[in-house]
Amino acid sequence: MICTEDDEVLERHSRFLGVRTNNQAEYEALTSALEHVSKLGCQEVTFYLDSEVVVKQINGQYKIRNPQLGKLWSKVDALRRKFKKISFVHVPRTNRFIREVDDIVNQTLDKNQ
């Protein structure tokens, strides 16, 4: 979901990834979002994620021990360099936007079962 600074929703998007762990799916969704907002020409972005582990890994607070996550982290790290200002913030699952994104994801999963 892409929102303005005033919380206006500009876009909603979801696609089926197949079988993934939560962290793998979070990294892949983040990679897709980074690619998309880069194409839109955005230079300053903030990403809100409900995975505290992924946020802390991206922000360098946690080491990445899983080789698969390490590869996904590398993709995110390369893409983040395209932006003038970028931040990654952990928000609780109770956040209204996270709840909406969860609903969108569940609808996508239901369509692909």
Foldseek 3Di string as FASTA:
>chain_A
DDADPVRHDDDDDDADDPDDDPLLVVLVVLLVVLVVVVVVVAAAEEAEDQDPVNQCCLVVNDPDDDPVSVVSSVSNVVSVVSHPHYHYHYDHCPPPVNVVNVVVHVVNVVVVD
